[in-house]
C-alpha atoms as a PDB file:
ATOM      1  CA  MET A   1       0.000   0.000   0.000  1.00  0.00           C
ATOM      2  CA  SER A   2       1.159   3.493  -0.744  1.00  0.00           C
ATOM      3  CA  LEU A   3      -0.345   6.938  -0.845  1.00  0.00           C
ATOM      4  CA  ALA A   4      -1.664   8.070  -4.232  1.00  0.00           C
ATOM      5  CA  PRO A   5       1.155   9.964  -5.985  1.00  0.00           C
ATOM      6  CA  GLU A   6      -1.054  13.022  -6.630  1.00  0.00           C
ATOM      7  CA  LEU A   7      -1.859  13.332  -2.929  1.00  0.00           C
ATOM      8  CA  ALA A   8       1.690  12.564  -1.822  1.00  0.00           C
ATOM      9  CA  GLN A   9       2.921  15.370  -4.048  1.00  0.00           C
ATOM     10  CA  ARG A  10       0.427  17.884  -2.596  1.00  0.00           C
ATOM     11  CA  LEU A  11       1.232  17.223   1.080  1.00  0.00           C
ATOM     12  CA  LYS A  12       3.598  19.551   2.915  1.00  0.00           C
ATOM     13  CA  ARG A  13       5.249  17.524   5.656  1.00  0.00           C
ATOM     14  CA  ASN A  14       7.359  18.716   8.558  1.00  0.00           C
ATOM     15  CA  ALA A  15      11.060  17.847   8.870  1.00  0.00           C
ATOM     16  CA  ASP A  16      10.098  14.418  10.264  1.00  0.00           C
ATOM     17  CA  GLY A  17       7.871  13.631   7.272  1.00  0.00           C
ATOM     18  CA  LEU A  18       4.654  14.127   9.254  1.00  0.00           C
ATOM     19  CA  VAL A  19       1.430  16.063   8.753  1.00  0.00           C
ATOM     20  CA  CYS A  20      -0.673  17.385  11.626  1.00  0.00           C
ATOM     21  CA  ALA A  21      -4.144  15.817  11.896  1.00  0.00           C
ATOM     22  CA  VAL A  22      -6.895  17.699  13.724  1.00  0.00           C
ATOM     23  CA  VAL A  23      -9.577  15.160  14.642  1.00  0.00           C
ATOM     24  CA  VAL A  24     -13.138  16.414  15.149  1.00  0.00           C
ATOM     25  CA  ASP A  25     -16.454  14.812  16.026  1.00  0.00           C
ATOM     26  CA  HIS A  26     -18.470  14.492  12.820  1.00  0.00           C
ATOM     27  CA  ALA A  27     -21.806  15.294  14.506  1.00  0.00           C
ATOM     28  CA  THR A  28     -20.760  18.209  16.761  1.00  0.00           C
ATOM     29  CA  SER A  29     -17.518  19.497  15.177  1.00  0.00           C
ATOM     30  CA  ASP A  30     -15.902  19.430  18.642  1.00  0.00           C
ATOM     31  CA  VAL A  31     -12.138  19.049  18.435  1.00  0.00           C
ATOM     32  CA  LEU A  32     -11.389  15.629  19.916  1.00  0.00           C
ATOM     33  CA  MET A  33      -7.629  15.364  19.561  1.00  0.00           C
ATOM     34  CA  VAL A  34      -4.577  16.338  17.537  1.00  0.00           C
ATOM     35  CA  ALA A  35      -2.240  13.681  16.200  1.00  0.00           C
ATOM     36  CA  TRP A  36       0.363  13.159  13.495  1.00  0.00           C
ATOM     37  CA  MET A  37       0.274  11.133  10.298  1.00  0.00           C
ATOM     38  CA  ASN A  38       2.981   9.951   7.979  1.00  0.00           C
ATOM     39  CA  ASP A  39       2.113   8.840   4.445  1.00  0.00           C
ATOM     40  CA  GLU A  40       1.391   5.270   5.531  1.00  0.00           C
ATOM     41  CA  ALA A  41      -0.936   6.365   8.363  1.00  0.00           C
ATOM     42  CA  LEU A  42      -2.867   8.625   5.997  1.00  0.00           C
ATOM     43  CA  GLU A  43      -3.115   5.937   3.342  1.00  0.00           C
ATOM     44  CA  ARG A  44      -4.390   3.392   5.887  1.00  0.00           C
ATOM     45  CA  THR A  45      -6.891   5.908   7.239  1.00  0.00           C
ATOM     46  CA  LEU A  46      -8.200   6.623   3.745  1.00  0.00           C
ATOM     47  CA  THR A  47      -8.529   2.945   2.828  1.00  0.00           C
ATOM     48  CA  THR A  48      -9.788   1.468   6.118  1.00  0.00           C
ATOM     49  CA  ARG A  49     -11.768   4.454   7.487  1.00  0.00           C
ATOM     50  CA  ARG A  50     -10.157   3.810  10.887  1.00  0.00           C
ATOM     51  CA  GLY A  51      -8.166   6.600  12.516  1.00  0.00           C
ATOM     52  CA  THR A  52      -4.529   5.597  12.054  1.00  0.00           C
ATOM     53  CA  TYR A  53      -1.717   7.821  13.302  1.00  0.00           C
ATOM     54  CA  PHE A  54       2.043   7.939  13.772  1.00  0.00           C
ATOM     55  CA  SER A  55       3.379   7.926  17.323  1.00  0.00           C
ATOM     56  CA  ARG A  56       6.341  10.279  17.554  1.00  0.00           C
ATOM     57  CA  SER A  57       7.435   8.797  20.889  1.00  0.00           C
ATOM     58  CA  ARG A  58       7.232   5.145  19.815  1.00  0.00           C
ATOM     59  CA  GLN A  59       8.104   5.787  16.150  1.00  0.00           C
ATOM     60  CA  GLU A  60       5.321   3.491  14.951  1.00  0.00           C
ATOM     61  CA  LEU A  61       1.798   3.499  13.573  1.00  0.00           C
ATOM     62  CA  TRP A  62      -1.161   3.110  15.903  1.00  0.00           C
ATOM     63  CA  VAL A  63      -4.848   2.644  15.201  1.00  0.00           C
ATOM     64  CA  LYS A  64      -7.108   4.600  17.541  1.00  0.00           C
ATOM     65  CA  GLY A  65      -9.030   2.174  19.732  1.00  0.00           C
ATOM     66  CA  GLU A  66      -6.979  -0.892  18.846  1.00  0.00           C
ATOM     67  CA  THR A  67      -6.259  -1.575  22.515  1.00  0.00           C
ATOM     68  CA  SER A  68      -8.879   0.587  24.285  1.00  0.00           C
ATOM     69  CA  GLY A  69     -11.869  -0.144  22.074  1.00  0.00           C
ATOM     70  CA  HIS A  70     -12.417   3.609  21.659  1.00  0.00           C
ATOM     71  CA  VAL A  71     -12.390   3.447  17.871  1.00  0.00           C
ATOM     72  CA  GLN A  72     -12.782   6.190  15.313  1.00  0.00           C
ATOM     73  CA  HIS A  73     -14.840   5.587  12.197  1.00  0.00           C
ATOM     74  CA  VAL A  74     -13.518   8.148   9.720  1.00  0.00           C
ATOM     75  CA  ARG A  75     -16.295   9.925   7.861  1.00  0.00           C
ATOM     76  CA  GLU A  76     -14.262  12.543   5.974  1.00  0.00           C
ATOM     77  CA  VAL A  77     -10.689  13.753   5.554  1.00  0.00           C
ATOM     78  CA  ARG A  78      -9.860  17.229   4.253  1.00  0.00           C
ATOM     79  CA  LEU A  79      -6.586  18.951   3.453  1.00  0.00           C
ATOM     80  CA  ASP A  80      -6.199  22.589   4.505  1.00  0.00           C
ATOM     81  CA  CYS A  81      -5.341  25.437   2.119  1.00  0.00           C
ATOM     82  CA  ASP A  82      -1.597  25.168   2.846  1.00  0.00           C
ATOM     83  CA  ALA A  83      -1.647  21.353   2.490  1.00  0.00           C
ATOM     84  CA  ASP A  84       0.154  20.980   5.837  1.00  0.00           C
ATOM     85  CA  THR A  85      -2.778  20.025   8.074  1.00  0.00           C
ATOM     86  CA  LEU A  86      -5.501  17.417   7.792  1.00  0.00           C
ATOM     87  CA  LEU A  87      -9.025  17.710   9.184  1.00  0.00           C
ATOM     88  CA  VAL A  88     -10.283  14.252  10.101  1.00  0.00           C
ATOM     89  CA  ARG A  89     -14.028  14.022  10.838  1.00  0.00           C
ATOM     90  CA  VAL A  90     -14.908  10.908  12.839  1.00  0.00           C
ATOM     91  CA  ASP A  91     -17.624   9.062  14.683  1.00  0.00           C
ATOM     92  CA  GLN A  92     -15.893   8.470  18.023  1.00  0.00           C
ATOM     93  CA  THR A  93     -16.730   5.461  20.185  1.00  0.00           C
ATOM     94  CA  GLY A  94     -15.943   6.220  23.832  1.00  0.00           C
ATOM     95  CA  PRO A  95     -13.435   8.828  24.991  1.00  0.00           C
ATOM     96  CA  ALA A  96     -11.006  10.199  22.431  1.00  0.00           C
ATOM     97  CA  CYS A  97      -8.306  11.084  24.957  1.00  0.00           C
ATOM     98  CA  HIS A  98      -5.972   8.475  26.434  1.00  0.00           C
ATOM     99  CA  THR A  99      -6.688  10.029  29.867  1.00  0.00           C
ATOM    100  CA  GLY A 100     -10.322   8.921  29.589  1.00  0.00           C
ATOM    101  CA  THR A 101     -11.882  12.311  28.873  1.00  0.00           C
ATOM    102  CA  ARG A 102     -14.207  12.829  25.912  1.00  0.00           C
ATOM    103  CA  THR A 103     -11.661  15.075  24.195  1.00  0.00           C
ATOM    104  CA  CYS A 104      -8.016  15.921  24.800  1.00  0.00           C
ATOM    105  CA  PHE A 105      -9.141  19.458  25.712  1.00  0.00           C
ATOM    106  CA  ASP A 106     -11.914  18.752  28.264  1.00  0.00           C
ATOM    107  CA  SER A 107     -10.506  19.117  31.755  1.00  0.00           C
ATOM    108  CA  ASP A 108     -10.258  22.451  33.603  1.00  0.00           C
ATOM    109  CA  ASP A 109      -6.509  22.094  34.149  1.00  0.00           C
ATOM    110  CA  ARG A 110      -6.103  22.415  30.365  1.00  0.00           C
ATOM    111  CA  LEU A 111      -7.990  25.740  30.162  1.00  0.00           C
ATOM    112  CA  LEU A 112      -5.538  28.577  29.520  1.00  0.00           C
ATOM    113  CA  LEU A 113      -7.946  31.422  28.650  1.00  0.00           C
ATOM    114  CA  GLU A 114     -11.652  31.379  29.389  1.00  0.00           C
ATOM    115  CA  ASP A 115     -14.334  33.111  27.332  1.00  0.00           C
ATOM    116  CA  ASP A 116     -15.186  36.342  29.161  1.00  0.00           C
ATOM    117  CA  GLY A 117     -18.585  36.578  27.475  1.00  0.00           C
ATOM    118  CA  SER A 118     -17.825  39.918  25.852  1.00  0.00           C
ATOM    119  CA  GLY A 119     -18.213  38.633  22.289  1.00  0.00           C
ATOM    120  CA  LEU A 120     -17.847  40.906  19.284  1.00  0.00           C
ATOM    121  CA  ARG A 121     -19.274  44.384  19.688  1.00  0.00           C
ATOM    122  CA  GLY A 122     -21.071  45.758  16.673  1.00  0.00           C
ATOM    123  CA  GLY A 123     -20.457  42.719  14.463  1.00  0.00           C
ATOM    124  CA  ALA A 124     -17.722  41.959  11.981  1.00  0.00           C
ATOM    125  CA  GLY A 125     -16.593  44.834   9.802  1.00  0.00           C
ATOM    126  CA  SER A 126     -18.572  47.480  11.705  1.00  0.00           C
ATOM    127  CA  GLY A 127     -15.489  49.271  12.952  1.00  0.00           C
ATOM    128  CA  THR A 128     -16.743  49.360  16.538  1.00  0.00           C
END
C-alpha cells in the first residue's frame, strides 16, 4: 500500500515527514484530539476508514481504539489550504483522549484562557 502519488505530491510535511491531523467529532464538530500522520498512516486511514496515526514517541503506527476499544470511524478527511494540516471528521466510540476524557481538551486544568462573554461588539466589519 502506498499513498496516491497526486496526494503525496500535494502534502507539505514537517522535517520528520509528518502532517498534523486535527480530529473532530463528525456530529458536533468538537475538536477531539490532535495527532500526526505519515504517508502510511494517511493511506491506511483513507482505505480502512479507521483513525490511524504515527506515534512520535514510539516511532510506529497506531490505530485509535486498537487496545482501548475507543475506535474512530472516519467519515471525511480534508486537506487545509496550505496542504500541511488534515481535518479528520470521525464518529468516536468512547473517549477520544488516552486520559479517559471525551476530548483531549476537556478538563479544567487544560484551560488557559476562558471566554469572558464579551463577544464581538457591533459585528464583523462594523469598525466598533
